[in-house]
């Protein structure tokens, strides 16, 4: 069964560490902001639920990533249909202060001063991006976000 899942595995003071699975295979780590009952713009992770995945060609980030990854970039991978959220992209970054409410890719993680960070983010992004694009293009364009703790 084709399925894309973000499973949260640990919480820091201001960060949430997750695993991204594509068809039950671990693809990379993800870093998000804290889980909050009340959404704080740019400082809250995606709520649990099932959402859409699409390729966004119009956001400002799209132009930057097109220059940075010219041979593979086909649009920003956007998580859609999230209540009270918009323009949520899977992108590179290392620290919860860089998420702006979006999941950041990572090859491995560290915990420092009570918060998680992901490392070798660009390498993880280069690995996972074409896998997600392939899934979206073949119609596997849903993602389930769940707490694993």
N, C-alpha and C. Protein backbone atom coordinates (compact mmCIF):
# COMPACT_ATOMS: atom_id res chain seq x y z
N UNK A 1 0.85 -1.19 0.00
CA UNK A 1 0.00 0.00 0.00
C UNK A 1 0.88 1.24 0.00
N UNK A 2 0.64 2.14 -0.94
CA UNK A 2 1.39 3.38 -1.00
C UNK A 2 0.91 4.31 0.11
N UNK A 3 1.88 4.80 0.89
CA UNK A 3 1.51 5.68 2.00
C UNK A 3 2.71 6.53 2.38
N UNK A 4 2.46 7.80 2.64
CA UNK A 4 3.49 8.71 3.14
C UNK A 4 3.06 9.12 4.54
N UNK A 5 3.99 8.96 5.50
CA UNK A 5 3.66 9.21 6.90
C UNK A 5 4.76 10.04 7.56
N UNK A 6 4.33 11.00 8.35
CA UNK A 6 5.23 11.74 9.25
C UNK A 6 4.86 11.28 10.65
N UNK A 7 5.79 10.59 11.31
CA UNK A 7 5.55 10.08 12.66
C UNK A 7 6.44 10.83 13.64
N UNK A 8 5.82 11.53 14.56
CA UNK A 8 6.57 12.28 15.57
C UNK A 8 7.13 11.31 16.61
N UNK A 9 8.41 11.49 16.93
CA UNK A 9 9.05 10.54 17.84
C UNK A 9 9.58 11.18 19.11
N UNK A 10 9.80 12.49 19.14
CA UNK A 10 10.35 13.13 20.34
C UNK A 10 10.04 14.62 20.32
N UNK A 11 9.92 15.17 21.53
CA UNK A 11 9.67 16.60 21.68
C UNK A 11 10.76 17.24 22.52
N UNK A 12 11.25 18.38 22.05
CA UNK A 12 12.17 19.20 22.83
C UNK A 12 11.41 20.37 23.43
N UNK A 13 12.15 21.32 23.98
CA UNK A 13 11.50 22.50 24.57
C UNK A 13 10.72 23.28 23.52
N UNK A 14 11.32 23.47 22.34
CA UNK A 14 10.70 24.25 21.26
C UNK A 14 10.70 23.52 19.93
N UNK A 15 10.92 22.22 19.95
CA UNK A 15 11.11 21.47 18.71
C UNK A 15 10.43 20.11 18.79
N UNK A 16 10.13 19.56 17.61
CA UNK A 16 9.54 18.23 17.49
C UNK A 16 10.33 17.48 16.42
N UNK A 17 10.78 16.28 16.77
CA UNK A 17 11.54 15.43 15.86
C UNK A 17 10.63 14.34 15.32
N UNK A 18 10.67 14.13 14.00
CA UNK A 18 9.81 13.14 13.35
C UNK A 18 10.62 12.27 12.40
N UNK A 19 9.99 11.17 11.99
CA UNK A 19 10.49 10.31 10.93
C UNK A 19 9.55 10.48 9.73
N UNK A 20 10.11 10.56 8.54
CA UNK A 20 9.32 10.54 7.31
C UNK A 20 9.44 9.15 6.70
N UNK A 21 8.28 8.52 6.49
CA UNK A 21 8.23 7.21 5.85
C UNK A 21 7.53 7.33 4.50
N UNK A 22 8.11 6.69 3.50
CA UNK A 22 7.48 6.59 2.19
C UNK A 22 7.28 5.11 1.93
N UNK A 23 6.01 4.71 1.86
CA UNK A 23 5.66 3.30 1.66
C UNK A 23 6.33 2.41 2.70
N UNK A 24 6.24 2.84 3.94
CA UNK A 24 6.73 2.14 5.13
C UNK A 24 8.25 2.06 5.25
N UNK A 25 8.97 2.72 4.37
CA UNK A 25 10.43 2.77 4.46
C UNK A 25 10.86 4.13 5.00
N UNK A 26 11.76 4.12 5.97
CA UNK A 26 12.28 5.37 6.53
C UNK A 26 12.99 6.14 5.43
N UNK A 27 12.65 7.43 5.27
CA UNK A 27 13.26 8.26 4.23
C UNK A 27 14.22 9.29 4.81
N UNK A 28 13.81 9.97 5.91
CA UNK A 28 14.68 10.95 6.55
C UNK A 28 14.05 11.40 7.86
N UNK A 29 14.80 12.17 8.61
CA UNK A 29 14.27 12.83 9.80
C UNK A 29 13.63 14.15 9.38
N UNK A 30 12.68 14.59 10.17
CA UNK A 30 12.08 15.91 9.97
C UNK A 30 12.10 16.65 11.30
N UNK A 31 12.28 17.95 11.23
CA UNK A 31 12.25 18.81 12.41
C UNK A 31 11.15 19.84 12.23
N UNK A 32 10.33 19.98 13.26
CA UNK A 32 9.27 20.98 13.24
C UNK A 32 9.32 21.77 14.55
N UNK A 33 8.47 22.79 14.61
CA UNK A 33 8.30 23.54 15.84
C UNK A 33 7.57 22.68 16.86
N UNK A 34 7.28 23.26 18.01
CA UNK A 34 6.59 22.58 19.09
C UNK A 34 5.15 22.24 18.73
N UNK A 35 4.64 21.21 19.39
CA UNK A 35 3.22 20.90 19.32
C UNK A 35 2.52 21.86 20.27
N UNK A 36 1.54 22.59 19.79
CA UNK A 36 0.80 23.55 20.61
C UNK A 36 -0.70 23.34 20.42
N UNK A 37 -1.44 23.52 21.49
CA UNK A 37 -2.89 23.42 21.40
C UNK A 37 -3.43 24.57 20.56
N UNK A 38 -2.95 25.76 20.83
CA UNK A 38 -3.34 26.94 20.05
C UNK A 38 -2.23 27.26 19.06
N UNK A 39 -2.58 27.42 17.80
CA UNK A 39 -1.60 27.72 16.77
C UNK A 39 -0.99 29.09 16.97
N UNK A 40 0.32 29.15 16.89
CA UNK A 40 1.05 30.41 16.88
C UNK A 40 1.72 30.47 15.52
N UNK A 41 1.39 31.48 14.72
CA UNK A 41 1.88 31.59 13.35
C UNK A 41 3.40 31.43 13.29
N UNK A 42 3.86 30.47 12.49
CA UNK A 42 5.29 30.24 12.29
C UNK A 42 5.99 29.55 13.42
N UNK A 43 5.27 29.19 14.50
CA UNK A 43 5.91 28.57 15.66
C UNK A 43 5.19 27.31 16.13
N UNK A 44 4.38 26.72 15.28
CA UNK A 44 3.59 25.56 15.67
C UNK A 44 3.71 24.48 14.59
N UNK A 45 3.90 23.23 15.02
CA UNK A 45 3.99 22.16 14.04
C UNK A 45 2.61 21.84 13.47
N UNK A 46 2.60 21.06 12.42
CA UNK A 46 1.37 20.66 11.75
C UNK A 46 0.56 19.78 12.71
N UNK A 47 -0.74 20.01 12.83
CA UNK A 47 -1.54 19.13 13.69
C UNK A 47 -1.64 17.71 13.11
N UNK A 48 -1.92 16.75 13.97
CA UNK A 48 -2.15 15.39 13.50
C UNK A 48 -3.30 15.39 12.49
N UNK A 49 -3.22 14.51 11.51
CA UNK A 49 -4.29 14.42 10.53
C UNK A 49 -3.77 13.92 9.20
N UNK A 50 -4.64 13.93 8.22
CA UNK A 50 -4.27 13.55 6.86
C UNK A 50 -4.43 14.76 5.95
N UNK A 51 -3.42 15.00 5.13
CA UNK A 51 -3.36 16.20 4.31
C UNK A 51 -2.93 15.86 2.90
N UNK A 52 -3.07 16.85 2.01
CA UNK A 52 -2.65 16.70 0.64
C UNK A 52 -1.18 17.05 0.46
N UNK A 53 -0.61 16.55 -0.60
CA UNK A 53 0.74 16.91 -1.03
C UNK A 53 0.66 17.38 -2.47
N UNK A 54 1.32 18.48 -2.78
CA UNK A 54 1.32 18.98 -4.16
C UNK A 54 2.64 19.68 -4.43
N UNK A 55 2.84 20.03 -5.68
CA UNK A 55 4.02 20.80 -6.09
C UNK A 55 3.58 22.24 -6.29
N UNK A 56 4.15 23.14 -5.52
CA UNK A 56 3.83 24.56 -5.60
C UNK A 56 4.86 25.22 -6.51
N UNK A 57 4.39 25.91 -7.54
CA UNK A 57 5.29 26.56 -8.49
C UNK A 57 5.34 28.07 -8.33
N UNK A 58 4.56 28.63 -7.42
CA UNK A 58 4.44 30.07 -7.34
C UNK A 58 5.07 30.74 -6.12
N UNK A 59 5.35 30.00 -5.08
CA UNK A 59 5.89 30.62 -3.85
C UNK A 59 7.30 31.14 -4.08
N UNK A 60 7.68 32.14 -3.30
CA UNK A 60 9.01 32.73 -3.41
C UNK A 60 10.14 31.73 -3.24
N UNK A 61 9.92 30.76 -2.36
CA UNK A 61 10.92 29.72 -2.13
C UNK A 61 11.20 28.92 -3.41
N UNK A 62 10.19 28.80 -4.24
CA UNK A 62 10.30 28.02 -5.46
C UNK A 62 11.44 28.52 -6.35
N UNK A 63 11.55 29.82 -6.51
CA UNK A 63 12.61 30.39 -7.36
C UNK A 63 13.99 30.11 -6.77
N UNK A 64 14.12 30.26 -5.46
CA UNK A 64 15.43 30.00 -4.81
C UNK A 64 15.84 28.54 -4.96
N UNK A 65 14.88 27.63 -4.75
CA UNK A 65 15.21 26.20 -4.86
C UNK A 65 15.44 25.79 -6.31
N UNK A 66 14.80 26.47 -7.25
CA UNK A 66 15.05 26.20 -8.66
C UNK A 66 16.48 26.52 -9.05
N UNK A 67 17.03 27.59 -8.48
CA UNK A 67 18.43 27.96 -8.73
C UNK A 67 19.37 27.01 -8.00
N UNK A 68 19.02 26.68 -6.76
CA UNK A 68 19.88 25.84 -5.92
C UNK A 68 19.93 24.38 -6.41
N UNK A 69 18.79 23.88 -6.91
CA UNK A 69 18.69 22.48 -7.36
C UNK A 69 18.15 22.41 -8.78
N UNK A 70 18.87 22.99 -9.76
CA UNK A 70 18.31 23.13 -11.11
C UNK A 70 18.01 21.80 -11.82
N UNK A 71 18.72 20.75 -11.49
CA UNK A 71 18.53 19.48 -12.21
C UNK A 71 17.38 18.64 -11.66
N UNK A 72 16.90 18.97 -10.46
CA UNK A 72 15.84 18.13 -9.90
C UNK A 72 14.59 18.90 -9.50
N UNK A 73 14.68 20.21 -9.34
CA UNK A 73 13.55 20.97 -8.79
C UNK A 73 12.39 21.05 -9.77
N UNK A 74 11.20 20.66 -9.29
CA UNK A 74 9.99 20.69 -10.11
C UNK A 74 8.87 21.44 -9.40
N UNK A 75 9.21 22.18 -8.34
CA UNK A 75 8.23 22.89 -7.51
C UNK A 75 8.47 22.52 -6.05
N UNK A 76 8.06 23.39 -5.15
CA UNK A 76 8.20 23.11 -3.72
C UNK A 76 7.16 22.07 -3.32
N UNK A 77 7.57 21.09 -2.53
CA UNK A 77 6.62 20.11 -2.01
C UNK A 77 5.84 20.77 -0.89
N UNK A 78 4.55 20.96 -1.15
CA UNK A 78 3.68 21.66 -0.21
C UNK A 78 2.72 20.68 0.45
N UNK A 79 2.57 20.81 1.77
CA UNK A 79 1.55 20.06 2.51
C UNK A 79 0.33 20.97 2.56
N UNK A 80 -0.78 20.50 1.97
CA UNK A 80 -1.97 21.33 1.79
C UNK A 80 -3.12 20.82 2.66
N UNK A 81 -4.18 21.60 2.67
CA UNK A 81 -5.43 21.25 3.37
C UNK A 81 -5.30 21.27 4.89
N UNK A 82 -4.30 21.96 5.42
CA UNK A 82 -4.12 22.06 6.86
C UNK A 82 -4.94 23.25 7.35
N UNK A 83 -5.89 23.02 8.28
CA UNK A 83 -6.70 24.14 8.77
C UNK A 83 -5.83 25.26 9.37
N UNK A 84 -6.09 26.49 8.97
CA UNK A 84 -5.39 27.68 9.47
C UNK A 84 -3.91 27.74 9.11
N UNK A 85 -3.47 26.94 8.16
CA UNK A 85 -2.08 26.95 7.70
C UNK A 85 -2.09 27.09 6.19
N UNK A 86 -1.06 27.69 5.66
CA UNK A 86 -0.85 27.71 4.22
C UNK A 86 0.63 27.84 3.94
N UNK A 87 1.02 27.48 2.74
CA UNK A 87 2.41 27.55 2.30
C UNK A 87 3.34 26.80 3.25
N UNK A 88 2.98 25.56 3.57
CA UNK A 88 3.80 24.68 4.42
C UNK A 88 4.59 23.78 3.48
N UNK A 89 5.90 23.98 3.44
CA UNK A 89 6.78 23.27 2.51
C UNK A 89 7.75 22.38 3.26
N UNK A 90 8.11 21.27 2.67
CA UNK A 90 9.22 20.45 3.16
C UNK A 90 10.47 21.08 2.56
N UNK A 91 11.39 21.51 3.42
CA UNK A 91 12.58 22.21 2.92
C UNK A 91 13.78 21.98 3.82
N UNK A 92 14.90 22.60 3.46
CA UNK A 92 16.13 22.41 4.22
C UNK A 92 16.21 23.39 5.39
N UNK A 93 17.02 23.02 6.37
CA UNK A 93 17.24 23.82 7.57
C UNK A 93 17.69 22.89 8.68
N UNK A 94 18.24 23.47 9.73
CA UNK A 94 18.79 22.65 10.81
C UNK A 94 18.13 22.86 12.17
N UNK A 95 17.59 24.04 12.41
CA UNK A 95 17.15 24.41 13.76
C UNK A 95 15.68 24.80 13.76
N UNK A 96 15.03 24.61 14.90
CA UNK A 96 13.60 24.93 14.99
C UNK A 96 13.34 26.40 14.67
N UNK A 97 14.34 27.25 14.84
CA UNK A 97 14.17 28.68 14.52
C UNK A 97 14.09 28.91 13.00
N UNK A 98 14.39 27.89 12.20
CA UNK A 98 14.37 28.02 10.74
C UNK A 98 13.13 27.38 10.12
N UNK A 99 12.24 26.82 10.92
CA UNK A 99 11.13 26.07 10.35
C UNK A 99 10.00 26.95 9.83
N UNK A 100 9.68 28.04 10.50
CA UNK A 100 8.52 28.89 10.15
C UNK A 100 7.26 28.05 9.99
N UNK A 101 7.15 26.99 10.80
CA UNK A 101 5.97 26.12 10.75
C UNK A 101 6.07 25.00 9.72
N UNK A 102 7.21 24.86 9.06
CA UNK A 102 7.41 23.84 8.02
C UNK A 102 8.33 22.73 8.51
N UNK A 103 8.20 21.52 7.98
CA UNK A 103 9.13 20.44 8.30
C UNK A 103 10.46 20.62 7.57
N UNK A 104 11.56 20.46 8.31
CA UNK A 104 12.91 20.54 7.76
C UNK A 104 13.47 19.13 7.63
N UNK A 105 14.15 18.83 6.54
CA UNK A 105 14.73 17.50 6.33
C UNK A 105 16.08 17.38 7.05
N UNK A 106 16.40 16.15 7.48
CA UNK A 106 17.68 15.90 8.13
C UNK A 106 18.15 14.48 7.92
N UNK A 107 19.47 14.31 7.83
CA UNK A 107 20.07 12.98 7.70
C UNK A 107 20.25 12.32 9.05
N UNK A 108 20.49 13.12 10.07
CA UNK A 108 20.57 12.63 11.44
C UNK A 108 20.21 13.78 12.36
N UNK A 109 20.11 13.50 13.66
CA UNK A 109 19.66 14.52 14.60
C UNK A 109 20.61 14.61 15.78
N UNK A 110 20.51 15.73 16.47
CA UNK A 110 21.23 15.98 17.72
C UNK A 110 20.28 16.66 18.68
N UNK A 111 20.55 16.50 19.96
CA UNK A 111 19.79 17.24 20.97
C UNK A 111 20.78 18.11 21.70
N UNK A 112 20.47 19.40 21.76
CA UNK A 112 21.36 20.37 22.38
C UNK A 112 20.53 21.34 23.20
N UNK A 113 20.85 21.50 24.45
CA UNK A 113 20.15 22.42 25.35
C UNK A 113 18.64 22.19 25.35
N UNK A 114 18.23 20.92 25.31
CA UNK A 114 16.82 20.59 25.41
C UNK A 114 16.04 20.67 24.12
N UNK A 115 16.70 20.96 23.00
CA UNK A 115 16.01 21.02 21.72
C UNK A 115 16.70 20.14 20.69
N UNK A 116 15.91 19.67 19.74
CA UNK A 116 16.42 18.85 18.65
C UNK A 116 16.84 19.74 17.49
N UNK A 117 17.80 19.23 16.74
CA UNK A 117 18.19 19.86 15.49
C UNK A 117 18.51 18.72 14.51
N UNK A 118 18.33 18.98 13.24
CA UNK A 118 18.67 17.98 12.23
C UNK A 118 19.89 18.46 11.46
N UNK A 119 20.71 17.50 11.06
CA UNK A 119 21.97 17.83 10.40
C UNK A 119 22.01 17.22 9.00
N UNK A 120 22.91 17.74 8.18
CA UNK A 120 23.04 17.35 6.77
C UNK A 120 21.67 17.41 6.09
N UNK A 121 21.03 18.54 6.30
CA UNK A 121 19.68 18.77 5.79
C UNK A 121 19.63 18.75 4.26
N UNK A 122 20.57 19.39 3.62
CA UNK A 122 20.56 19.45 2.15
C UNK A 122 20.73 18.05 1.55
N UNK A 123 21.57 17.22 2.15
CA UNK A 123 21.75 15.85 1.64
C UNK A 123 20.45 15.06 1.78
N UNK A 124 19.77 15.21 2.91
CA UNK A 124 18.49 14.53 3.11
C UNK A 124 17.46 15.04 2.11
N UNK A 125 17.45 16.35 1.86
CA UNK A 125 16.51 16.94 0.91
C UNK A 125 16.76 16.40 -0.50
N UNK A 126 18.03 16.35 -0.91
CA UNK A 126 18.36 15.84 -2.24
C UNK A 126 17.94 14.38 -2.39
N UNK A 127 17.96 13.63 -1.30
CA UNK A 127 17.54 12.23 -1.34
C UNK A 127 16.01 12.10 -1.41
N UNK A 128 15.33 12.81 -0.51
CA UNK A 128 13.89 12.60 -0.35
C UNK A 128 13.04 13.35 -1.39
N UNK A 129 13.54 14.47 -1.89
CA UNK A 129 12.75 15.27 -2.83
C UNK A 129 12.29 14.45 -4.05
N UNK A 130 13.20 13.79 -4.79
CA UNK A 130 12.73 13.06 -5.97
C UNK A 130 11.79 11.90 -5.61
N UNK A 131 11.97 11.31 -4.44
CA UNK A 131 11.07 10.24 -4.01
C UNK A 131 9.66 10.77 -3.80
N UNK A 132 9.55 11.93 -3.16
CA UNK A 132 8.23 12.53 -2.93
C UNK A 132 7.60 13.01 -4.23
N UNK A 133 8.37 13.60 -5.11
CA UNK A 133 7.85 14.03 -6.41
C UNK A 133 7.29 12.83 -7.17
N UNK A 134 8.03 11.74 -7.17
CA UNK A 134 7.56 10.52 -7.85
C UNK A 134 6.23 10.05 -7.27
N UNK A 135 6.10 10.07 -5.94
CA UNK A 135 4.86 9.64 -5.30
C UNK A 135 3.70 10.57 -5.68
N UNK A 136 3.95 11.87 -5.63
CA UNK A 136 2.91 12.84 -5.98
C UNK A 136 2.45 12.63 -7.43
N UNK A 137 3.41 12.46 -8.33
CA UNK A 137 3.08 12.31 -9.75
C UNK A 137 2.33 11.02 -10.05
N UNK A 138 2.51 9.99 -9.25
CA UNK A 138 1.77 8.75 -9.50
C UNK A 138 0.47 8.68 -8.70
N UNK A 139 0.11 9.79 -8.04
CA UNK A 139 -1.18 9.88 -7.37
C UNK A 139 -1.16 9.58 -5.88
N UNK A 140 -0.01 9.24 -5.33
CA UNK A 140 0.11 9.04 -3.88
C UNK A 140 0.40 10.42 -3.28
N UNK A 141 -0.64 11.24 -3.21
CA UNK A 141 -0.48 12.66 -2.86
C UNK A 141 -1.15 13.00 -1.53
N UNK A 142 -1.10 12.06 -0.59
CA UNK A 142 -1.64 12.29 0.77
C UNK A 142 -0.53 11.97 1.75
N UNK A 143 -0.53 12.70 2.87
CA UNK A 143 0.41 12.43 3.95
C UNK A 143 -0.36 12.36 5.26
N UNK A 144 -0.03 11.37 6.07
CA UNK A 144 -0.61 11.23 7.40
C UNK A 144 0.42 11.71 8.41
N UNK A 145 -0.02 12.63 9.28
CA UNK A 145 0.84 13.15 10.35
C UNK A 145 0.31 12.58 11.65
N UNK A 146 1.18 11.87 12.38
CA UNK A 146 0.74 11.20 13.60
C UNK A 146 1.79 11.33 14.70
N UNK A 147 1.32 11.30 15.93
CA UNK A 147 2.23 11.28 17.07
C UNK A 147 2.56 9.84 17.39
N UNK A 148 3.85 9.54 17.45
CA UNK A 148 4.30 8.19 17.76
C UNK A 148 4.69 8.03 19.22
N UNK A 149 4.46 9.06 20.02
CA UNK A 149 4.82 8.96 21.45
C UNK A 149 3.60 9.11 22.32
